[in-house]
Amino acid sequence: MKCLVVLAALAAASCVHVKPFTTPDGKTAYLVECNGDSLDISSCYDKARETCGGDYEVLRRSEAQQIIEDISTPVRTLEIACKTSPTS
């Protein structure tokens, strides 16, 4: 049973999420998270391009390891600002 829980956690961990936020100067930016072993940083860049409908500026990039129940999972993030209005 524990193996099923671990496999489910690993499957859920491989995904891309986008969350809008406001920068200190009042502009809208986006946090793009690409977590899991089956993704790499190019997945974040692809999602950033899709979110913005083209050009964007990378405000910050990070890569780290997250440990959940003794399992290490890669966590990658981009903070981006669209150069044009984002696509809906």
C-alpha atoms as a PDB file:
ATOM      1  CA  MET A   1       0.000   0.000   0.000  1.00  0.00           C
ATOM      2  CA  LYS A   2       2.851   2.400   0.826  1.00  0.00           C
ATOM      3  CA  CYS A   3       4.247   1.836  -2.685  1.00  0.00           C
ATOM      4  CA  LEU A   4       0.948   2.980  -4.205  1.00  0.00           C
ATOM      5  CA  VAL A   5       1.010   6.145  -2.109  1.00  0.00           C
ATOM      6  CA  VAL A   6       4.583   6.878  -3.162  1.00  0.00           C
ATOM      7  CA  LEU A   7       3.801   6.242  -6.849  1.00  0.00           C
ATOM      8  CA  ALA A   8       0.755   8.488  -6.680  1.00  0.00           C
ATOM      9  CA  ALA A   9       2.827  11.245  -5.058  1.00  0.00           C
ATOM     10  CA  LEU A  10       5.475  10.975  -7.768  1.00  0.00           C
ATOM     11  CA  ALA A  11       2.890  11.083 -10.554  1.00  0.00           C
ATOM     12  CA  ALA A  12       1.225  14.146  -9.070  1.00  0.00           C
ATOM     13  CA  ALA A  13       4.582  15.831  -8.576  1.00  0.00           C
ATOM     14  CA  SER A  14       5.343  15.957 -12.323  1.00  0.00           C
ATOM     15  CA  CYS A  15       3.294  18.923 -13.438  1.00  0.00           C
ATOM     16  CA  VAL A  16       3.427  22.553 -14.541  1.00  0.00           C
ATOM     17  CA  HIS A  17       1.499  25.266 -12.672  1.00  0.00           C
ATOM     18  CA  VAL A  18       1.143  28.985 -13.372  1.00  0.00           C
ATOM     19  CA  LYS A  19       0.168  31.465 -10.652  1.00  0.00           C
ATOM     20  CA  PRO A  20      -0.195  35.215 -11.250  1.00  0.00           C
ATOM     21  CA  PHE A  21       1.254  37.663  -8.731  1.00  0.00           C
ATOM     22  CA  THR A  22       1.849  41.395  -8.459  1.00  0.00           C
ATOM     23  CA  THR A  23       5.389  42.772  -8.506  1.00  0.00           C
ATOM     24  CA  PRO A  24       6.450  45.504  -6.053  1.00  0.00           C
ATOM     25  CA  ASP A  25       5.962  48.106  -8.810  1.00  0.00           C
ATOM     26  CA  GLY A  26       2.334  46.963  -9.325  1.00  0.00           C
ATOM     27  CA  LYS A  27       2.752  44.966 -12.540  1.00  0.00           C
ATOM     28  CA  THR A  28       1.298  41.523 -13.130  1.00  0.00           C
ATOM     29  CA  ALA A  29       3.825  38.706 -13.342  1.00  0.00           C
ATOM     30  CA  TYR A  30       3.589  34.915 -13.247  1.00  0.00           C
ATOM     31  CA  LEU A  31       5.213  32.160 -11.224  1.00  0.00           C
ATOM     32  CA  VAL A  32       5.712  29.092 -13.427  1.00  0.00           C
ATOM     33  CA  GLU A  33       6.433  25.898 -11.461  1.00  0.00           C
ATOM     34  CA  CYS A  34       7.721  22.751 -13.174  1.00  0.00           C
ATOM     35  CA  ASN A  35       8.079  19.995 -10.614  1.00  0.00           C
ATOM     36  CA  GLY A  36       9.009  16.369 -10.932  1.00  0.00           C
ATOM     37  CA  ASP A  37      11.498  14.021 -12.542  1.00  0.00           C
ATOM     38  CA  SER A  38       9.697  13.838 -15.882  1.00  0.00           C
ATOM     39  CA  LEU A  39      10.038  17.603 -16.506  1.00  0.00           C
ATOM     40  CA  ASP A  40      13.007  19.888 -17.016  1.00  0.00           C
ATOM     41  CA  ILE A  41      13.464  23.658 -17.094  1.00  0.00           C
ATOM     42  CA  SER A  42      12.469  23.735 -20.776  1.00  0.00           C
ATOM     43  CA  SER A  43       8.950  22.757 -19.638  1.00  0.00           C
ATOM     44  CA  CYS A  44       8.839  25.994 -17.627  1.00  0.00           C
ATOM     45  CA  TYR A  45      10.022  28.021 -20.612  1.00  0.00           C
ATOM     46  CA  ASP A  46       7.422  26.383 -22.862  1.00  0.00           C
ATOM     47  CA  LYS A  47       4.649  27.177 -20.371  1.00  0.00           C
ATOM     48  CA  ALA A  48       5.910  30.763 -20.005  1.00  0.00           C
ATOM     49  CA  ARG A  49       5.751  31.223 -23.784  1.00  0.00           C
ATOM     50  CA  GLU A  50       2.248  29.714 -23.839  1.00  0.00           C
ATOM     51  CA  THR A  51       1.079  31.877 -20.913  1.00  0.00           C
ATOM     52  CA  CYS A  52       2.335  35.096 -22.484  1.00  0.00           C
ATOM     53  CA  GLY A  53       1.470  34.215 -26.058  1.00  0.00           C
ATOM     54  CA  GLY A  54       5.060  34.859 -27.075  1.00  0.00           C
ATOM     55  CA  ASP A  55       7.760  37.074 -25.595  1.00  0.00           C
ATOM     56  CA  TYR A  56       8.392  37.383 -21.876  1.00  0.00           C
ATOM     57  CA  GLU A  57      11.103  38.520 -19.495  1.00  0.00           C
ATOM     58  CA  VAL A  58      12.535  36.155 -16.893  1.00  0.00           C
ATOM     59  CA  LEU A  59      12.575  37.997 -13.576  1.00  0.00           C
ATOM     60  CA  ARG A  60      13.990  35.073 -11.593  1.00  0.00           C
ATOM     61  CA  ARG A  61      14.861  31.428 -12.150  1.00  0.00           C
ATOM     62  CA  SER A  62      15.459  28.755  -9.517  1.00  0.00           C
ATOM     63  CA  GLU A  63      16.040  25.032  -9.325  1.00  0.00           C
ATOM     64  CA  ALA A  64      16.048  23.037  -6.088  1.00  0.00           C
ATOM     65  CA  GLN A  65      15.217  19.654  -4.582  1.00  0.00           C
ATOM     66  CA  GLN A  66      12.147  19.076  -2.418  1.00  0.00           C
ATOM     67  CA  ILE A  67      12.110  16.079  -0.081  1.00  0.00           C
ATOM     68  CA  ILE A  68       8.760  14.442   0.665  1.00  0.00           C
ATOM     69  CA  GLU A  69       8.754  11.234   2.720  1.00  0.00           C
ATOM     70  CA  ASP A  70      12.444  10.593   1.972  1.00  0.00           C
ATOM     71  CA  ILE A  71      11.937  11.071  -1.790  1.00  0.00           C
ATOM     72  CA  SER A  72      13.797  13.888  -3.488  1.00  0.00           C
ATOM     73  CA  THR A  73      11.849  15.686  -6.242  1.00  0.00           C
ATOM     74  CA  PRO A  74      13.199  18.447  -8.498  1.00  0.00           C
ATOM     75  CA  VAL A  75      11.422  21.804  -8.178  1.00  0.00           C
ATOM     76  CA  ARG A  76      11.975  24.403 -10.900  1.00  0.00           C
ATOM     77  CA  THR A  77      10.455  27.878 -11.005  1.00  0.00           C
ATOM     78  CA  LEU A  78      10.463  30.886 -13.287  1.00  0.00           C
ATOM     79  CA  GLU A  79       9.085  34.274 -12.380  1.00  0.00           C
ATOM     80  CA  ILE A  80       8.154  35.983 -15.641  1.00  0.00           C
ATOM     81  CA  ALA A  81       6.621  39.189 -16.949  1.00  0.00           C
ATOM     82  CA  CYS A  82       4.902  39.138 -20.338  1.00  0.00           C
ATOM     83  CA  LYS A  83       6.148  41.648 -22.895  1.00  0.00           C
ATOM     84  CA  THR A  84       2.655  41.716 -24.407  1.00  0.00           C
ATOM     85  CA  SER A  85      -0.778  40.967 -22.945  1.00  0.00           C
ATOM     86  CA  PRO A  86      -1.009  37.313 -21.873  1.00  0.00           C
ATOM     87  CA  THR A  87      -3.286  34.893 -23.692  1.00  0.00           C
ATOM     88  CA  SER A  88      -6.417  33.722 -21.903  1.00  0.00           C
END
